[in-house]
Amino acid sequence: MAALTPSIRFFESQLVEYKRTWRSSVFSSFGNPVMFLAAMGLGLGRLVDSGTGDLEVPYLAFVATGLLAAGAMQSGAGEGLWRVMAGVKWRKNFHGAITTPVSPADIVVGRAIYVLLRTIAVTLIFAIVAWLFGALELGPGLLAVVPAAITGVCFAMALTAFTVTQETDENLASVFRFVILPLFLFSGTFFPVSQLPGFLQPVAWATPLFHGVELCRKVALPDVGGDLVSAVPAWVHLVYLVVVTGISMFLAARLLDRRLRP
């Protein structure tokens, strides 16, 4: 536990900072789930459910489980891009942190703890809103918050490793536009990956969001069959996310150390 003390101290500093800015995220935390579920679930969902398709579950439930993971990805991406750029370039609070017993590795671990808890809070709100919409049962929906939060941390750590190598924020918006958005659309959030062209399916399978969506869907909708989820066991998805997160944290710590201590 003593080895984690500097990381916990940095995590606490992130909480203090968030207490000053939390009001700016209130609308997105509550408003985004309502708008997404209303537009994509109730609106488009009615068309899908009344069409020729024969889903095992209402389309609203299918989309809600995908959006649970995709929303966590977007939240984690924001933490791994602009918040990290602020720490190393704009506000340089990461530079201040290493003048104390806090190391670059402690910063990465502290940030991972912060992102995990913040993503749990965001996805918990989403799960409750989805339950109020009738998209998910409350118990399984709340359990799916855990894999969603892991997905968010995975993206935050991977993008942290990228951001600490950047001198400006020019490429950050490009990452969101050309990486995060395509993943949002083509990793199983709105339709099964099996409906993608054959040459694109292996690409989707290699992405963290696919594994996050699959894991959330299998937890929140335990009775769905092979038409909506892959035959890959849930533990494989979990191991994939944990391994990618661990590798990303290692790289982020090494690269941040190089950035802060040239």
Protein backbone atom coordinates (compact mmCIF):
# COMPACT_ATOMS: atom_id res chain seq x y z
CA MET A 1 0.00 0.00 0.00
CA ALA A 2 2.88 2.36 0.77
CA ALA A 3 4.10 2.03 -2.81
CA LEU A 4 0.74 3.37 -4.03
CA THR A 5 0.74 6.38 -1.69
CA PRO A 6 2.22 8.84 -4.24
CA SER A 7 -0.26 7.64 -6.88
CA ILE A 8 -3.14 8.10 -4.44
CA ARG A 9 -1.90 11.59 -3.62
CA PHE A 10 -1.89 12.49 -7.30
CA PHE A 11 -5.34 10.95 -7.67
CA GLU A 12 -6.53 13.18 -4.84
CA SER A 13 -5.17 16.21 -6.67
CA GLN A 14 -7.22 15.21 -9.70
CA LEU A 15 -10.32 15.05 -7.52
CA VAL A 16 -9.63 18.52 -6.14
CA GLU A 17 -9.29 19.81 -9.69
CA TYR A 18 -12.51 18.10 -10.76
CA LYS A 19 -14.42 19.65 -7.84
CA ARG A 20 -13.77 23.01 -9.48
CA THR A 21 -14.99 21.97 -12.93
CA TRP A 22 -17.67 19.30 -12.34
CA ARG A 23 -20.52 21.65 -13.23
CA SER A 24 -19.37 21.76 -16.84
CA SER A 25 -19.90 18.00 -17.18
CA VAL A 26 -23.34 17.78 -15.59
CA PHE A 27 -25.29 18.26 -18.82
CA SER A 28 -23.19 15.80 -20.81
CA SER A 29 -23.46 13.19 -18.05
CA PHE A 30 -27.25 13.35 -17.91
CA GLY A 31 -28.20 14.88 -21.25
CA ASN A 32 -26.15 12.68 -23.58
CA PRO A 33 -27.69 9.38 -22.43
CA VAL A 34 -31.19 10.79 -22.82
CA MET A 35 -30.54 12.20 -26.29
CA PHE A 36 -28.68 9.11 -27.55
CA LEU A 37 -31.29 6.68 -26.27
CA ALA A 38 -34.18 8.82 -27.48
CA ALA A 39 -32.74 9.32 -30.97
CA MET A 40 -31.01 6.01 -31.66
CA GLY A 41 -33.14 3.78 -29.50
CA LEU A 42 -36.70 5.08 -29.42
CA GLY A 43 -36.56 6.80 -32.81
CA LEU A 44 -34.49 4.51 -35.00
CA GLY A 45 -35.31 1.54 -32.79
CA ARG A 46 -38.98 1.67 -33.65
CA LEU A 47 -38.13 1.49 -37.34
CA VAL A 48 -35.78 -1.44 -36.82
CA ASP A 49 -38.16 -3.36 -34.58
CA SER A 50 -41.03 -2.87 -37.01
CA GLY A 51 -38.95 -3.83 -40.06
CA THR A 52 -38.06 -7.20 -41.45
CA GLY A 53 -35.15 -7.71 -39.05
CA ASP A 54 -35.73 -10.21 -36.25
CA LEU A 55 -33.54 -9.21 -33.31
CA GLU A 56 -33.59 -11.34 -30.19
CA VAL A 57 -33.92 -8.20 -28.07
CA PRO A 58 -35.45 -4.78 -28.75
CA TYR A 59 -33.09 -2.56 -30.70
CA LEU A 60 -33.16 -0.08 -27.81
CA ALA A 61 -31.55 -2.70 -25.54
CA PHE A 62 -29.01 -3.61 -28.21
CA VAL A 63 -27.97 0.01 -28.73
CA ALA A 64 -27.95 0.84 -25.02
CA THR A 65 -25.37 -1.84 -24.26
CA GLY A 66 -23.19 -0.64 -27.13
CA LEU A 67 -23.48 2.99 -26.09
CA LEU A 68 -22.50 2.05 -22.54
CA ALA A 69 -19.06 0.99 -23.76
CA ALA A 70 -18.82 3.64 -26.49
CA GLY A 71 -19.64 6.41 -24.03
CA ALA A 72 -16.93 5.12 -21.72
CA MET A 73 -14.50 5.14 -24.65
CA GLN A 74 -15.31 8.77 -25.43
CA SER A 75 -14.94 9.79 -21.81
CA GLY A 76 -11.60 7.97 -21.53
CA ALA A 77 -10.40 9.46 -24.81
CA GLY A 78 -11.04 12.97 -23.56
CA GLU A 79 -9.08 12.21 -20.40
CA GLY A 80 -6.20 10.73 -22.36
CA LEU A 81 -5.98 13.53 -24.92
CA TRP A 82 -6.70 17.09 -23.80
CA ARG A 83 -6.40 16.55 -20.06
CA VAL A 84 -2.96 15.02 -20.54
CA MET A 85 -1.89 17.75 -22.95
CA ALA A 86 -2.85 20.27 -20.28
CA GLY A 87 -0.67 18.44 -17.78
CA VAL A 88 2.43 18.31 -19.96
CA LYS A 89 2.08 21.51 -22.02
CA TRP A 90 -0.55 24.06 -21.08
CA ARG A 91 -0.80 24.02 -17.28
CA LYS A 92 2.30 21.85 -16.75
CA ASN A 93 0.98 20.47 -13.47
CA PHE A 94 2.71 17.18 -14.29
CA HIS A 95 6.02 19.05 -14.16
CA GLY A 96 5.10 20.39 -10.74
CA ALA A 97 4.12 16.94 -9.51
CA ILE A 98 7.54 15.39 -10.18
CA THR A 99 9.23 18.02 -8.00
CA THR A 100 7.61 16.10 -5.14
CA PRO A 101 8.06 12.38 -4.34
CA VAL A 102 5.53 11.69 -7.13
CA SER A 103 7.13 10.01 -10.18
CA PRO A 104 5.85 9.90 -13.78
CA ALA A 105 4.71 6.32 -13.14
CA ASP A 106 2.78 7.53 -10.10
CA ILE A 107 1.09 10.15 -12.28
CA VAL A 108 -0.01 7.48 -14.74
CA VAL A 109 -1.34 5.18 -12.00
CA GLY A 110 -3.07 8.09 -10.24
CA ARG A 111 -4.66 9.15 -13.51
CA ALA A 112 -5.81 5.56 -14.15
CA ILE A 113 -7.52 5.45 -10.75
CA TYR A 114 -9.16 8.81 -11.40
CA VAL A 115 -10.36 7.82 -14.88
CA LEU A 116 -11.69 4.51 -13.57
CA LEU A 117 -13.80 6.16 -10.88
CA ARG A 118 -14.97 8.98 -13.13
CA THR A 119 -15.93 6.56 -15.88
CA ILE A 120 -17.81 4.41 -13.38
CA ALA A 121 -19.79 7.49 -12.37
CA VAL A 122 -20.55 8.45 -15.99
CA THR A 123 -21.56 4.94 -17.07
CA LEU A 124 -23.55 4.41 -13.87
CA ILE A 125 -25.67 7.41 -14.81
CA PHE A 126 -26.07 6.01 -18.33
CA ALA A 127 -27.11 2.60 -17.00
CA ILE A 128 -29.74 4.15 -14.73
CA VAL A 129 -31.10 6.29 -17.57
CA ALA A 130 -31.21 3.20 -19.81
CA TRP A 131 -33.15 1.37 -17.10
CA LEU A 132 -35.62 4.27 -16.86
CA PHE A 133 -36.07 4.05 -20.63
CA GLY A 134 -36.80 0.33 -20.27
CA ALA A 135 -33.71 -0.61 -22.28
CA LEU A 136 -31.98 -2.68 -19.58
CA GLU A 137 -32.81 -4.54 -16.42
CA LEU A 138 -31.32 -2.70 -13.46
CA GLY A 139 -29.14 -5.49 -12.04
CA PRO A 140 -27.40 -6.63 -15.24
CA GLY A 141 -27.18 -3.02 -16.41
CA LEU A 142 -25.31 -1.99 -13.27
CA LEU A 143 -22.98 -5.00 -13.60
CA ALA A 144 -22.12 -3.90 -17.15
CA VAL A 145 -20.77 -0.63 -15.73
CA VAL A 146 -17.60 -2.49 -14.68
CA PRO A 147 -16.48 -3.64 -18.18
CA ALA A 148 -17.52 -0.26 -19.57
CA ALA A 149 -15.28 1.51 -17.06
CA ILE A 150 -12.38 -0.80 -17.90
CA THR A 151 -12.90 0.12 -21.56
CA GLY A 152 -12.69 3.80 -20.67
CA VAL A 153 -9.44 3.33 -18.75
CA CYS A 154 -8.00 1.29 -21.62
CA PHE A 155 -8.54 4.13 -24.08
CA ALA A 156 -7.38 6.78 -21.61
CA MET A 157 -4.08 5.01 -20.99
CA ALA A 158 -3.43 4.21 -24.66
CA LEU A 159 -4.08 7.82 -25.66
CA THR A 160 -2.02 9.10 -22.74
CA ALA A 161 0.96 7.25 -24.23
CA PHE A 162 0.26 9.00 -27.53
CA THR A 163 -0.39 12.48 -26.14
CA VAL A 164 2.79 12.76 -24.10
CA THR A 165 4.76 12.49 -27.37
CA GLN A 166 2.96 15.48 -28.92
CA GLU A 167 4.22 19.07 -28.79
CA THR A 168 0.89 20.64 -29.84
CA ASP A 169 -2.74 19.67 -29.81
CA GLU A 170 -3.03 19.63 -33.61
CA ASN A 171 -3.17 15.84 -33.80
CA LEU A 172 -5.55 15.37 -30.88
CA ALA A 173 -8.65 16.41 -32.80
CA SER A 174 -7.53 14.18 -35.68
CA VAL A 175 -7.36 11.20 -33.33
CA PHE A 176 -10.90 11.88 -32.22
CA ARG A 177 -12.11 12.38 -35.78
CA PHE A 178 -10.30 9.52 -37.52
CA VAL A 179 -9.94 6.95 -34.72
CA ILE A 180 -12.55 7.43 -32.01
CA LEU A 181 -15.48 8.29 -34.29
CA PRO A 182 -14.94 5.35 -36.71
CA LEU A 183 -14.62 3.00 -33.74
CA PHE A 184 -17.86 4.43 -32.38
CA LEU A 185 -19.61 3.61 -35.65
CA PHE A 186 -18.05 0.30 -36.68
CA SER A 187 -17.21 -1.68 -33.52
CA GLY A 188 -20.60 -3.21 -32.86
CA THR A 189 -22.29 -0.28 -31.14
CA PHE A 190 -25.18 0.09 -33.57
CA PHE A 191 -25.12 -3.20 -35.46
CA PRO A 192 -23.35 -6.56 -35.06
CA VAL A 193 -19.79 -6.67 -36.39
CA SER A 194 -20.82 -9.76 -38.39
CA GLN A 195 -22.68 -7.40 -40.74
CA LEU A 196 -19.47 -5.63 -41.75
CA PRO A 197 -17.70 -6.67 -44.98
CA GLY A 198 -15.55 -9.72 -44.37
CA PHE A 199 -12.23 -7.90 -44.76
CA LEU A 200 -13.23 -5.31 -42.11
CA GLN A 201 -14.35 -7.76 -39.45
CA PRO A 202 -10.82 -8.72 -38.28
CA VAL A 203 -10.03 -5.01 -37.98
CA ALA A 204 -13.04 -4.51 -35.72
CA TRP A 205 -12.11 -7.57 -33.65
CA ALA A 206 -8.67 -6.08 -32.98
CA THR A 207 -10.06 -2.86 -31.47
CA PRO A 208 -10.59 -2.38 -27.72
CA LEU A 209 -14.07 -0.97 -28.25
CA PHE A 210 -15.27 -4.19 -29.90
CA HIS A 211 -14.21 -6.15 -26.83
CA GLY A 212 -15.75 -3.55 -24.52
CA VAL A 213 -19.06 -3.60 -26.38
CA GLU A 214 -19.12 -7.40 -26.48
CA LEU A 215 -18.37 -7.67 -22.78
CA CYS A 216 -20.99 -5.08 -21.80
CA ARG A 217 -23.58 -6.76 -24.03
CA LYS A 218 -22.88 -10.24 -22.66
CA VAL A 219 -23.12 -8.97 -19.08
CA ALA A 220 -26.19 -6.77 -19.53
CA LEU A 221 -28.01 -9.13 -21.93
CA PRO A 222 -26.90 -12.60 -20.78
CA ASP A 223 -29.49 -14.43 -22.90
CA VAL A 224 -28.57 -12.99 -26.31
CA GLY A 225 -27.42 -15.46 -28.93
CA GLY A 226 -24.76 -15.66 -31.60
CA ASP A 227 -26.54 -13.37 -34.04
CA LEU A 228 -25.89 -10.36 -31.79
CA VAL A 229 -22.64 -11.28 -30.06
CA SER A 230 -19.64 -13.35 -31.06
CA ALA A 231 -18.84 -16.80 -29.73
CA VAL A 232 -15.70 -15.45 -28.02
CA PRO A 233 -15.93 -16.12 -24.24
CA ALA A 234 -16.38 -13.11 -21.99
CA TRP A 235 -13.10 -13.79 -20.19
CA VAL A 236 -11.17 -13.37 -23.46
CA HIS A 237 -12.60 -9.89 -23.90
CA LEU A 238 -11.70 -9.03 -20.31
CA VAL A 239 -8.14 -10.34 -20.64
CA TYR A 240 -7.70 -8.38 -23.88
CA LEU A 241 -8.77 -5.11 -22.24
CA VAL A 242 -6.65 -5.67 -19.14
CA VAL A 243 -3.55 -6.58 -21.16
CA VAL A 244 -3.90 -3.58 -23.48
CA THR A 245 -4.44 -1.33 -20.46
CA GLY A 246 -1.35 -2.70 -18.73
CA ILE A 247 0.85 -2.30 -21.80
CA SER A 248 -0.49 1.21 -22.37
CA MET A 249 0.22 2.21 -18.76
CA PHE A 250 3.78 0.90 -19.04
CA LEU A 251 4.39 2.82 -22.26
CA ALA A 252 2.70 5.94 -20.91
CA ALA A 253 4.92 5.91 -17.81
CA ARG A 254 8.09 5.46 -19.87
CA LEU A 255 7.19 8.14 -22.39
CA LEU A 256 6.01 10.57 -19.72
CA ASP A 257 9.27 10.10 -17.83
CA ARG A 258 11.15 10.89 -21.04
CA ARG A 259 8.96 13.96 -21.61
CA LEU A 260 9.28 15.37 -18.10
CA ARG A 261 12.94 14.47 -17.58
CA PRO A 262 14.68 15.03 -20.92
